[in-house]
């Protein structure tokens, strides 16, 4: 514990450097604005900013990108409350009660409980990250190739099953990512594969190019082609920002419960903040002493229905950094892109990260505390400004995204081939969105695919070709059993439910 405290203090020395403070502020500001704008998620923004980070020091770049990640979790609540337009999918539950409160002249307390709840939950989550991340990293040092491969298989299946309309669609998206990750030079055999004779593909397909193509280009083209043209709705007038004594009394237990639900979900390779926010909302409905206030009951909006999901959302964001930093396993599209940012600097997140890049990782953790305070200061007074960002016309907004994405990707290698490939991948992204295929598993497959292939080959080499090695090692066997349960238990339960309904 004392050693952790000393390391954290050294991290604050890094994070409090003027340049890093500036990058943290830029990240928080961008992230909050991104959370406010519907459809422009943190994954898209982090993907667009990746080319810029090549010119910035590793610590500064990663501090900025984490600020974007955190800020988007904060900012999504603003438009959910003011306009019933969630900036993020994880803010959908906030919109149910928050917008009803705003319509009844209580936008101020709703925004305040969202901002303060986000701050409380994120702070608790960062403290838990500080305490448990080194312990998880120490435990992970016991992992061999078989354990790592089994863990990655579990991550593949859980991300594919949780994200998207069905597990089949998720697995198809994952397979696309795995295929992209295999293009280029075979790391062990040293021969090109799946390059179709194209010299530019011998070094593989750039991760930044795929991320920008799928998220930035795909999102922009999809919105232009398929999203209905809606006129800007009138904004609800902001009431007083202050919460009453009763609001505080009803909010603080919801903040704590939301944190308790959100952090564990972020810490396991399950992907997404939607599930903990749904669970938090349903928990608050069941436990509330004022059930008649909930919008579903015809009420004027229940403040605990805003406080709980917002806390769960931000605690989930903190929890997601535990497997990212200690195991190199992303639990969301944004986390996968953050791993790509680490790899741009030849830094591999995983058990050895705390040993090989200690000053960097502790500076990053310390910056989360600072960024969290910045976000609270930004969110409370600047609510009116964030709401005005919604008035940007969509044609100009998405045209700007396409221009920025093109400049960023072309600037990496000054290659016209990269630009063409980016737009082709963007078209694939449009098709995936059109037919409801999740995009996040593509990024997860591309990031973890080459790593899992390497671990698979090493494990089979050690076991002399014995595939049962993954069931003979206790930790690896546990992960494999969990994978099988994740794949088949939901299917069995659905079949059983259908059979029961037919019997009735």
Protein backbone atom coordinates (compact mmCIF):
# COMPACT_ATOMS: atom_id res chain seq x y z
CA UNK A 1 0.00 0.00 0.00
CA UNK A 2 2.82 2.42 0.92
CA UNK A 3 4.61 1.55 -2.32
CA UNK A 4 1.42 2.25 -4.31
CA UNK A 5 1.07 5.62 -2.57
CA UNK A 6 4.67 6.55 -3.43
CA UNK A 7 4.19 5.53 -7.06
CA UNK A 8 0.96 7.55 -7.26
CA UNK A 9 2.72 10.64 -5.87
CA UNK A 10 5.42 10.27 -8.53
CA UNK A 11 2.61 9.97 -11.08
CA UNK A 12 1.16 13.30 -9.88
CA UNK A 13 4.58 14.88 -10.47
CA UNK A 14 4.27 13.79 -14.12
CA UNK A 15 0.59 14.69 -14.50
CA UNK A 16 1.00 18.16 -12.95
CA UNK A 17 3.64 19.20 -15.49
CA UNK A 18 2.24 22.27 -17.33
CA UNK A 19 2.26 20.57 -20.74
CA UNK A 20 0.43 17.49 -19.42
CA UNK A 21 -2.13 19.68 -17.62
CA UNK A 22 -2.79 21.45 -20.91
CA UNK A 23 -3.29 18.15 -22.78
CA UNK A 24 -5.55 16.84 -20.00
CA UNK A 25 -7.71 19.96 -20.27
CA UNK A 26 -7.88 19.68 -24.08
CA UNK A 27 -8.89 16.02 -23.79
CA UNK A 28 -11.59 16.76 -21.19
CA UNK A 29 -12.95 19.68 -23.24
CA UNK A 30 -13.03 17.66 -26.47
CA UNK A 31 -14.51 14.63 -24.73
CA UNK A 32 -17.31 16.63 -23.13
CA UNK A 33 -18.16 18.28 -26.45
CA UNK A 34 -18.09 14.87 -28.13
CA UNK A 35 -20.39 13.39 -25.51
CA UNK A 36 -22.83 16.23 -26.11
CA UNK A 37 -23.00 15.80 -29.90
CA UNK A 38 -25.31 12.91 -30.85
CA UNK A 39 -23.62 10.19 -32.89
CA UNK A 40 -20.08 11.50 -32.34
CA UNK A 41 -18.84 9.02 -29.76
CA UNK A 42 -15.50 8.78 -27.94
CA UNK A 43 -14.31 5.93 -30.17
CA UNK A 44 -14.73 8.12 -33.27
CA UNK A 45 -12.93 11.07 -31.65
CA UNK A 46 -10.04 9.04 -30.25
CA UNK A 47 -9.66 7.39 -33.68
CA UNK A 48 -9.48 10.78 -35.41
CA UNK A 49 -6.93 12.07 -32.90
CA UNK A 50 -4.58 9.09 -33.25
CA UNK A 51 -2.57 10.57 -36.18
CA UNK A 52 -1.97 13.76 -34.14
CA UNK A 53 -0.52 11.84 -31.21
CA UNK A 54 2.44 10.73 -33.33
CA UNK A 55 3.85 14.24 -32.85
CA UNK A 56 3.28 14.36 -29.06
CA UNK A 57 5.12 12.78 -26.13
CA UNK A 58 3.60 9.39 -25.11
CA UNK A 59 2.49 10.53 -21.64
CA UNK A 60 0.87 13.72 -22.98
CA UNK A 61 -0.91 11.91 -25.83
CA UNK A 62 -2.31 9.15 -23.62
CA UNK A 63 -3.41 11.66 -20.96
CA UNK A 64 -5.31 13.60 -23.64
CA UNK A 65 -6.96 10.48 -25.11
CA UNK A 66 -8.06 9.28 -21.66
CA UNK A 67 -9.50 12.77 -21.08
CA UNK A 68 -11.57 12.34 -24.25
CA UNK A 69 -12.72 8.92 -23.03
CA UNK A 70 -13.78 10.23 -19.64
CA UNK A 71 -15.21 13.50 -20.92
CA UNK A 72 -17.54 11.70 -23.34
CA UNK A 73 -18.95 9.67 -20.44
CA UNK A 74 -19.71 13.00 -18.68
CA UNK A 75 -21.03 14.95 -21.66
CA UNK A 76 -23.58 12.41 -22.87
CA UNK A 77 -25.95 13.33 -20.05
CA UNK A 78 -26.36 16.98 -21.12
CA UNK A 79 -28.35 16.44 -24.32
CA UNK A 80 -30.12 13.44 -22.81
CA UNK A 81 -31.59 15.76 -20.18
CA UNK A 82 -32.10 18.92 -22.24
CA UNK A 83 -33.29 17.42 -25.53
CA UNK A 84 -34.00 13.74 -24.97
CA UNK A 85 -31.16 13.05 -27.42
CA UNK A 86 -28.53 10.76 -25.87
CA UNK A 87 -25.05 11.65 -27.07
CA UNK A 88 -23.95 8.14 -26.06
CA UNK A 89 -25.83 4.82 -25.95
CA UNK A 90 -24.93 4.58 -22.26
CA UNK A 91 -26.92 7.81 -21.67
CA UNK A 92 -30.22 6.36 -22.91
CA UNK A 93 -31.44 5.61 -19.38
CA UNK A 94 -30.53 9.12 -18.22
CA UNK A 95 -32.85 10.53 -20.90
CA UNK A 96 -35.91 8.74 -19.51
CA UNK A 97 -36.06 10.65 -16.22
CA UNK A 98 -33.73 13.57 -16.97
CA UNK A 99 -35.72 14.88 -19.92
CA UNK A 100 -38.99 14.53 -18.01
CA UNK A 101 -37.46 16.59 -15.17
CA UNK A 102 -36.32 19.21 -17.70
CA UNK A 103 -39.81 19.45 -19.21
CA UNK A 104 -41.13 20.14 -15.74
CA UNK A 105 -38.67 22.97 -15.03
CA UNK A 106 -36.09 20.88 -13.13
CA UNK A 107 -33.31 20.70 -15.72
CA UNK A 108 -30.87 22.28 -13.24
CA UNK A 109 -31.12 19.61 -10.52
CA UNK A 110 -31.05 16.87 -13.17
CA UNK A 111 -27.85 18.25 -14.73
CA UNK A 112 -26.33 18.84 -11.30
CA UNK A 113 -26.98 15.30 -10.03
CA UNK A 114 -25.59 13.91 -13.31
CA UNK A 115 -22.38 15.99 -13.05
CA UNK A 116 -21.81 15.46 -9.31
CA UNK A 117 -22.76 11.76 -9.54
CA UNK A 118 -20.33 11.32 -12.42
CA UNK A 119 -17.60 12.97 -10.33
CA UNK A 120 -18.29 10.83 -7.24
CA UNK A 121 -18.49 7.56 -9.18
CA UNK A 122 -15.42 8.29 -11.31
CA UNK A 123 -13.39 9.27 -8.24
CA UNK A 124 -14.30 6.05 -6.41
CA UNK A 125 -13.59 4.10 -9.59
CA UNK A 126 -10.15 5.70 -10.00
CA UNK A 127 -9.31 4.92 -6.34
CA UNK A 128 -10.28 1.27 -6.93
CA UNK A 129 -8.23 1.30 -10.15
CA UNK A 130 -5.23 2.64 -8.18
CA UNK A 131 -5.56 -0.05 -5.52
CA UNK A 132 -6.44 -3.08 -7.62
CA UNK A 133 -4.68 -2.58 -10.96
CA UNK A 134 -1.19 -3.43 -9.55
CA UNK A 135 -2.64 -6.52 -7.82
CA UNK A 136 -4.29 -7.70 -11.04
CA UNK A 137 -1.01 -7.09 -12.91
CA UNK A 138 0.92 -9.14 -10.33
CA UNK A 139 -1.60 -11.99 -10.67
CA UNK A 140 -1.42 -11.80 -14.47
CA UNK A 141 2.35 -12.31 -14.34
CA UNK A 142 1.53 -15.95 -13.51
CA UNK A 143 -0.15 -16.31 -16.90
CA UNK A 144 1.56 -18.34 -19.60
CA UNK A 145 0.69 -18.53 -23.32
CA UNK A 146 -2.20 -20.97 -22.67
CA UNK A 147 -3.77 -18.68 -20.04
CA UNK A 148 -3.44 -15.59 -22.21
CA UNK A 149 -4.95 -17.30 -25.25
CA UNK A 150 -7.88 -18.61 -23.20
CA UNK A 151 -8.47 -15.14 -21.76
CA UNK A 152 -8.47 -13.63 -25.26
CA UNK A 153 -10.96 -16.25 -26.48
CA UNK A 154 -13.21 -15.27 -23.56
CA UNK A 155 -12.83 -11.60 -24.52
CA UNK A 156 -13.69 -12.41 -28.15
CA UNK A 157 -16.89 -14.24 -27.21
CA UNK A 158 -18.09 -11.82 -24.52
CA UNK A 159 -17.54 -8.72 -26.68
CA UNK A 160 -19.24 -10.42 -29.64
CA UNK A 161 -22.24 -11.52 -27.56
CA UNK A 162 -22.79 -8.30 -25.61
CA UNK A 163 -22.39 -5.85 -28.50
CA UNK A 164 -24.87 -5.99 -31.35
CA UNK A 165 -28.30 -7.44 -32.00
CA UNK A 166 -27.15 -11.07 -31.96
CA UNK A 167 -24.11 -13.19 -31.15
CA UNK A 168 -23.88 -14.33 -34.80
CA UNK A 169 -23.58 -10.74 -36.02
CA UNK A 170 -21.01 -10.03 -33.32
CA UNK A 171 -18.91 -13.05 -34.30
CA UNK A 172 -19.07 -12.08 -37.99
CA UNK A 173 -17.78 -8.61 -37.09
CA UNK A 174 -15.06 -10.17 -34.96
CA UNK A 175 -14.05 -12.45 -37.86
CA UNK A 176 -13.67 -9.39 -40.12
CA UNK A 177 -11.34 -7.83 -37.53
CA UNK A 178 -9.32 -11.03 -37.18
CA UNK A 179 -8.95 -11.26 -40.96
CA UNK A 180 -7.71 -7.64 -41.18
CA UNK A 181 -5.23 -8.34 -38.39
CA UNK A 182 -3.72 -11.29 -40.29
CA UNK A 183 -2.88 -9.23 -43.41
CA UNK A 184 0.84 -8.54 -43.82
CA UNK A 185 4.05 -10.21 -42.75
CA UNK A 186 3.78 -13.41 -40.71
CA UNK A 187 5.65 -12.52 -37.50
CA UNK A 188 7.00 -16.06 -37.04
CA UNK A 189 7.42 -17.46 -40.58
CA UNK A 190 8.56 -14.12 -42.01
CA UNK A 191 6.54 -14.37 -45.24
CA UNK A 192 3.78 -12.08 -46.56
CA UNK A 193 0.20 -13.38 -46.33
CA UNK A 194 -3.19 -12.21 -47.63
CA UNK A 195 -1.61 -9.23 -49.39
CA UNK A 196 -3.03 -10.06 -52.88
CA UNK A 197 0.30 -8.94 -54.33
CA UNK A 198 -0.18 -5.34 -53.16
CA UNK A 199 3.19 -4.01 -51.88
CA UNK A 200 1.52 -1.48 -49.55
CA UNK A 201 -0.07 -4.33 -47.59
CA UNK A 202 3.18 -6.17 -46.77
CA UNK A 203 3.55 -4.19 -43.53
CA UNK A 204 -0.10 -4.87 -42.68
CA UNK A 205 -3.10 -2.55 -42.58
CA UNK A 206 -2.57 0.41 -40.27
CA UNK A 207 -4.74 0.25 -37.18
CA UNK A 208 -5.31 4.02 -37.24
CA UNK A 209 -6.57 3.76 -40.82
CA UNK A 210 -9.11 1.05 -39.92
CA UNK A 211 -10.30 2.87 -36.79
CA UNK A 212 -10.76 6.18 -38.62
CA UNK A 213 -12.42 4.46 -41.60
CA UNK A 214 -14.91 2.46 -39.54
CA UNK A 215 -15.81 5.11 -37.00
CA UNK A 216 -15.26 8.56 -38.49
CA UNK A 217 -15.90 7.90 -42.21
CA UNK A 218 -18.48 5.16 -41.62
CA UNK A 219 -20.44 7.24 -39.10
CA UNK A 220 -20.39 10.37 -41.27
CA UNK A 221 -21.47 8.56 -44.45
CA UNK A 222 -24.17 6.62 -42.61
CA UNK A 223 -25.67 9.77 -41.12
CA UNK A 224 -25.66 11.51 -44.49
CA UNK A 225 -27.31 8.56 -46.27
CA UNK A 226 -29.74 7.14 -43.74
CA UNK A 227 -30.39 9.43 -40.78
CA UNK A 228 -33.62 11.43 -41.10
CA UNK A 229 -33.18 15.18 -41.41
CA UNK A 230 -34.58 16.52 -38.18
CA UNK A 231 -34.98 20.17 -37.42
CA UNK A 232 -33.30 21.40 -34.29
CA UNK A 233 -35.75 21.10 -31.44
CA UNK A 234 -36.33 23.96 -29.07
CA UNK A 235 -34.30 23.66 -25.90
CA UNK A 236 -35.87 23.52 -22.49
CA UNK A 237 -35.16 26.55 -20.34
CA UNK A 238 -32.64 25.82 -17.60
CA UNK A 239 -33.98 26.13 -14.10
CA UNK A 240 -31.81 26.80 -11.05
CA UNK A 241 -28.66 24.66 -10.96
CA UNK A 242 -29.04 24.02 -7.24
CA UNK A 243 -30.30 20.75 -5.82
CA UNK A 244 -32.69 20.83 -2.86
CA UNK A 245 -32.07 18.99 0.41
CA UNK A 246 -34.49 16.27 -0.76
CA UNK A 247 -32.63 15.96 -4.07
CA UNK A 248 -29.36 15.35 -2.22
CA UNK A 249 -31.05 12.83 0.06
CA UNK A 250 -32.39 10.87 -2.90
CA UNK A 251 -29.23 11.17 -5.03
CA UNK A 252 -26.33 10.08 -2.86
CA UNK A 253 -27.49 6.46 -2.25
CA UNK A 254 -28.15 6.17 -6.02
CA UNK A 255 -24.60 7.41 -6.75
CA UNK A 256 -23.11 4.73 -4.49
CA UNK A 257 -25.32 1.96 -5.86
CA UNK A 258 -24.55 3.00 -9.44
CA UNK A 259 -20.82 2.93 -8.67
CA UNK A 260 -21.11 -0.54 -7.12
CA UNK A 261 -22.84 -1.81 -10.27
CA UNK A 262 -20.74 0.01 -12.87
CA UNK A 263 -17.16 -0.66 -11.74
CA UNK A 264 -17.30 -4.50 -11.72
CA UNK A 265 -18.95 -4.54 -15.16
CA UNK A 266 -16.17 -2.35 -16.55
CA UNK A 267 -13.49 -4.56 -14.99
CA UNK A 268 -14.52 -7.78 -16.72
CA UNK A 269 -14.13 -8.41 -20.47
CA UNK A 270 -17.86 -7.99 -21.15
CA UNK A 271 -17.90 -4.77 -23.16
CA UNK A 272 -20.16 -1.75 -23.07
CA UNK A 273 -21.69 0.50 -20.42
CA UNK A 274 -25.28 -0.15 -21.50
CA UNK A 275 -25.86 -3.18 -19.22
CA UNK A 276 -24.78 -1.52 -15.92
CA UNK A 277 -26.81 1.62 -16.72
CA UNK A 278 -29.91 -0.50 -17.42
CA UNK A 279 -29.33 -2.48 -14.21
CA UNK A 280 -28.82 0.70 -12.21
CA UNK A 281 -32.04 2.24 -13.54
CA UNK A 282 -34.10 -0.86 -12.77
CA UNK A 283 -32.52 -1.04 -9.29
CA UNK A 284 -33.47 2.57 -8.54
CA UNK A 285 -37.04 1.98 -9.71
CA UNK A 286 -37.38 -1.00 -7.37
CA UNK A 287 -35.79 0.68 -4.35
CA UNK A 288 -37.25 4.17 -4.74
CA UNK A 289 -39.53 5.53 -2.03
CA UNK A 290 -41.10 7.77 -4.69
CA UNK A 291 -42.08 5.33 -7.50
CA UNK A 292 -44.86 7.65 -8.68
CA UNK A 293 -42.21 10.20 -9.79
CA UNK A 294 -40.84 7.91 -12.51
CA UNK A 295 -41.82 8.82 -16.06
CA UNK A 296 -43.13 5.30 -16.74
CA UNK A 297 -45.66 5.87 -13.96
CA UNK A 298 -46.76 9.20 -15.39
CA UNK A 299 -44.58 11.20 -12.97
CA UNK A 300 -42.53 14.36 -13.47
CA UNK A 301 -39.17 12.56 -13.42
CA UNK A 302 -37.29 10.85 -10.58
CA UNK A 303 -33.89 12.31 -9.74
CA UNK A 304 -32.53 8.92 -8.60
CA UNK A 305 -33.30 7.64 -12.12
CA UNK A 306 -30.70 10.15 -13.37
CA UNK A 307 -28.19 9.81 -10.51
CA UNK A 308 -27.85 6.00 -10.58
CA UNK A 309 -27.29 5.39 -14.31
CA UNK A 310 -24.88 8.33 -14.62
CA UNK A 311 -22.82 7.01 -11.70
CA UNK A 312 -22.84 3.51 -13.21
CA UNK A 313 -21.73 4.91 -16.57
CA UNK A 314 -18.69 6.71 -15.17
CA UNK A 315 -17.70 3.94 -12.75
CA UNK A 316 -17.82 1.58 -15.72
CA UNK A 317 -15.42 3.85 -17.63
CA UNK A 318 -12.95 3.68 -14.73
CA UNK A 319 -13.32 -0.09 -14.39
CA UNK A 320 -12.62 -0.60 -18.10
CA UNK A 321 -9.08 0.72 -17.57
CA UNK A 322 -8.26 -2.20 -15.23
CA UNK A 323 -8.22 -4.98 -17.89
CA UNK A 324 -6.86 -2.51 -20.46
CA UNK A 325 -3.76 -1.62 -18.45
CA UNK A 326 -3.14 -4.92 -16.64
CA UNK A 327 -4.11 -7.55 -19.22
CA UNK A 328 -4.09 -5.66 -22.51
CA UNK A 329 -7.74 -6.67 -22.96
CA UNK A 330 -10.17 -3.98 -24.24
CA UNK A 331 -13.80 -4.08 -23.07
CA UNK A 332 -15.12 -1.51 -25.55
CA UNK A 333 -14.31 0.01 -28.92
CA UNK A 334 -12.76 3.08 -27.26
CA UNK A 335 -10.58 0.88 -25.04
CA UNK A 336 -9.43 -1.06 -28.10
CA UNK A 337 -8.45 2.18 -29.84
CA UNK A 338 -6.58 3.28 -26.69
CA UNK A 339 -4.56 0.05 -26.90
CA UNK A 340 -3.73 1.03 -30.49
CA UNK A 341 -2.51 4.39 -29.16
CA UNK A 342 -0.17 2.58 -26.73
CA UNK A 343 1.12 0.38 -29.55
CA UNK A 344 1.85 3.45 -31.68
CA UNK A 345 4.57 4.20 -29.10
CA UNK A 346 5.73 0.55 -29.01
CA UNK A 347 4.17 0.18 -25.55
CA UNK A 348 2.17 -3.01 -24.98
CA UNK A 349 -0.50 -2.87 -22.23
CA UNK A 350 -0.40 -6.00 -20.10
CA UNK A 351 1.10 -7.49 -16.93
CA UNK A 352 4.57 -6.05 -17.60
CA UNK A 353 3.32 -2.51 -18.27
CA UNK A 354 3.65 -1.47 -14.61
CA UNK A 355 7.27 -2.68 -14.62
CA UNK A 356 8.46 -1.55 -18.05
CA UNK A 357 6.56 1.78 -18.22
CA UNK A 358 5.87 2.54 -14.55
CA UNK A 359 6.29 6.35 -14.69
CA UNK A 360 4.01 6.56 -17.75
CA UNK A 361 1.20 4.43 -16.34
CA UNK A 362 1.24 6.09 -12.90
CA UNK A 363 1.26 9.51 -14.55
CA UNK A 364 -1.76 8.40 -16.55
CA UNK A 365 -3.61 7.20 -13.42
CA UNK A 366 -2.77 10.43 -11.58
CA UNK A 367 -4.06 12.47 -14.53
CA UNK A 368 -7.44 10.76 -14.14
CA UNK A 369 -7.87 12.36 -10.70
CA UNK A 370 -6.98 15.78 -12.15
CA UNK A 371 -9.15 15.30 -15.24
CA UNK A 372 -12.09 14.30 -13.07
CA UNK A 373 -11.94 17.64 -11.22
CA UNK A 374 -11.58 19.49 -14.55
CA UNK A 375 -14.68 17.75 -15.87
CA UNK A 376 -16.76 18.75 -12.86
CA UNK A 377 -15.66 22.38 -13.28
CA UNK A 378 -16.42 22.24 -17.02
CA UNK A 379 -19.78 20.52 -16.76
CA UNK A 380 -21.55 22.63 -14.15
CA UNK A 381 -21.06 26.15 -15.58
CA UNK A 382 -20.87 25.35 -19.32
CA UNK A 383 -24.13 23.47 -19.75
CA UNK A 384 -25.66 26.22 -21.90
CA UNK A 385 -22.64 26.23 -24.23
CA UNK A 386 -22.76 22.45 -24.73
CA UNK A 387 -26.42 22.64 -25.61
CA UNK A 388 -25.64 25.23 -28.33
CA UNK A 389 -23.25 22.78 -30.01
CA UNK A 390 -26.33 20.87 -31.12
CA UNK A 391 -27.20 23.77 -33.38
CA UNK A 392 -24.27 22.98 -35.72
CA UNK A 393 -25.91 21.85 -39.01
CA UNK A 394 -25.25 18.18 -39.75
CA UNK A 395 -23.85 18.73 -43.29
CA UNK A 396 -21.09 21.03 -41.97
CA UNK A 397 -20.44 18.76 -38.98
CA UNK A 398 -19.93 15.57 -40.99
CA UNK A 399 -18.08 17.33 -43.81
CA UNK A 400 -15.62 18.59 -41.20
CA UNK A 401 -15.19 15.06 -39.83
CA UNK A 402 -14.42 13.66 -43.32
CA UNK A 403 -11.89 16.42 -44.04
CA UNK A 404 -10.17 15.95 -40.67
CA UNK A 405 -10.08 12.15 -41.10
CA UNK A 406 -8.61 12.42 -44.61
CA UNK A 407 -5.87 14.85 -43.56
CA UNK A 408 -4.96 12.70 -40.55
CA UNK A 409 -4.69 9.42 -42.45
CA UNK A 410 -2.85 10.93 -45.43
CA UNK A 411 -0.41 12.61 -43.05
CA UNK A 412 0.75 9.25 -41.66
CA UNK A 413 2.56 7.99 -44.78
CA UNK A 414 1.57 10.53 -47.49
CA UNK A 415 -0.03 7.59 -49.31
CA UNK A 416 -2.98 7.89 -51.67
CA UNK A 417 -3.47 4.13 -51.27
CA UNK A 418 -4.17 4.67 -47.55
CA UNK A 419 -6.86 7.25 -48.38
CA UNK A 420 -8.60 4.92 -50.86
CA UNK A 421 -8.43 2.04 -48.37
CA UNK A 422 -9.80 4.26 -45.59
CA UNK A 423 -12.88 5.17 -47.65
CA UNK A 424 -13.41 1.53 -48.72
CA UNK A 425 -13.35 0.55 -45.04
CA UNK A 426 -15.72 3.44 -44.37
CA UNK A 427 -18.17 1.94 -46.91
CA UNK A 428 -17.88 -1.40 -45.09
CA UNK A 429 -18.68 0.48 -41.87
CA UNK A 430 -21.83 1.96 -43.50
CA UNK A 431 -22.98 -1.51 -44.64
CA UNK A 432 -22.37 -2.92 -41.14
CA UNK A 433 -24.43 -0.16 -39.53
CA UNK A 434 -27.18 -0.52 -42.15
CA UNK A 435 -27.60 -4.23 -41.37
CA UNK A 436 -27.04 -3.87 -37.62
CA UNK A 437 -23.60 -5.48 -37.39
CA UNK A 438 -21.65 -4.05 -34.41
CA UNK A 439 -18.43 -2.24 -35.34
CA UNK A 440 -16.59 -2.62 -32.01
CA UNK A 441 -15.75 -6.35 -32.43
CA UNK A 442 -13.86 -5.50 -35.65
CA UNK A 443 -11.48 -3.30 -33.67
CA UNK A 444 -11.18 -5.87 -30.86
CA UNK A 445 -10.42 -8.63 -33.40
CA UNK A 446 -7.81 -6.53 -35.20
CA UNK A 447 -6.04 -5.62 -31.95
CA UNK A 448 -6.19 -9.00 -30.20
CA UNK A 449 -6.01 -11.22 -33.29
CA UNK A 450 -2.23 -11.08 -33.88
CA UNK A 451 -1.61 -11.27 -30.11
CA UNK A 452 -3.85 -14.33 -29.70
CA UNK A 453 -2.23 -16.03 -32.73
CA UNK A 454 1.20 -15.57 -31.17
CA UNK A 455 0.03 -16.94 -27.79
CA UNK A 456 -1.70 -19.89 -29.49
CA UNK A 457 1.46 -20.84 -31.39
CA UNK A 458 3.62 -20.51 -28.28
CA UNK A 459 1.21 -22.58 -26.17
CA UNK A 460 1.05 -25.39 -28.76
CA UNK A 461 4.82 -25.29 -29.17
CA UNK A 462 5.33 -25.71 -25.41
CA UNK A 463 2.70 -28.50 -25.28
CA UNK A 464 4.19 -30.20 -28.36
CA UNK A 465 0.97 -29.83 -30.33
CA UNK A 466 -1.39 -30.99 -27.55
CA UNK A 467 -4.60 -28.95 -27.91
CA UNK A 468 -5.80 -30.17 -24.51
CA UNK A 469 -3.22 -27.85 -22.90
CA UNK A 470 -6.01 -25.24 -22.68
CA UNK A 471 -8.01 -27.58 -20.42
CA UNK A 472 -5.11 -29.04 -18.43
CA UNK A 473 -3.96 -25.72 -16.95
CA UNK A 474 -6.37 -24.61 -14.14
CA UNK A 475 -6.55 -20.90 -15.05
CA UNK A 476 -6.79 -21.57 -18.80
CA UNK A 477 -9.47 -24.23 -18.19
CA UNK A 478 -11.49 -21.76 -16.08
CA UNK A 479 -11.47 -19.21 -18.90
CA UNK A 480 -12.46 -21.85 -21.47
CA UNK A 481 -15.36 -23.08 -19.32
CA UNK A 482 -16.54 -19.48 -18.87
CA UNK A 483 -16.35 -19.00 -22.66
CA UNK A 484 -18.53 -22.08 -23.24
CA UNK A 485 -21.05 -20.84 -20.66
CA UNK A 486 -21.21 -17.38 -22.24
CA UNK A 487 -21.84 -18.94 -25.66
CA UNK A 488 -24.47 -21.51 -24.77
CA UNK A 489 -26.26 -20.53 -21.53
CA UNK A 490 -28.17 -17.57 -23.11
CA UNK A 491 -29.17 -19.82 -26.03
CA UNK A 492 -30.42 -22.56 -23.67
CA UNK A 493 -32.35 -20.03 -21.58
CA UNK A 494 -34.00 -18.57 -24.69
CA UNK A 495 -35.00 -22.04 -25.93
CA UNK A 496 -36.38 -22.89 -22.51
CA UNK A 497 -38.35 -19.64 -22.39
CA UNK A 498 -39.84 -20.29 -25.84
CA UNK A 499 -40.80 -23.84 -24.82
CA UNK A 500 -42.44 -22.61 -21.60
CA UNK A 501 -44.44 -19.95 -23.49
CA UNK A 502 -45.62 -22.61 -25.99
CA UNK A 503 -46.70 -24.88 -23.13
CA UNK A 504 -48.76 -22.04 -21.66
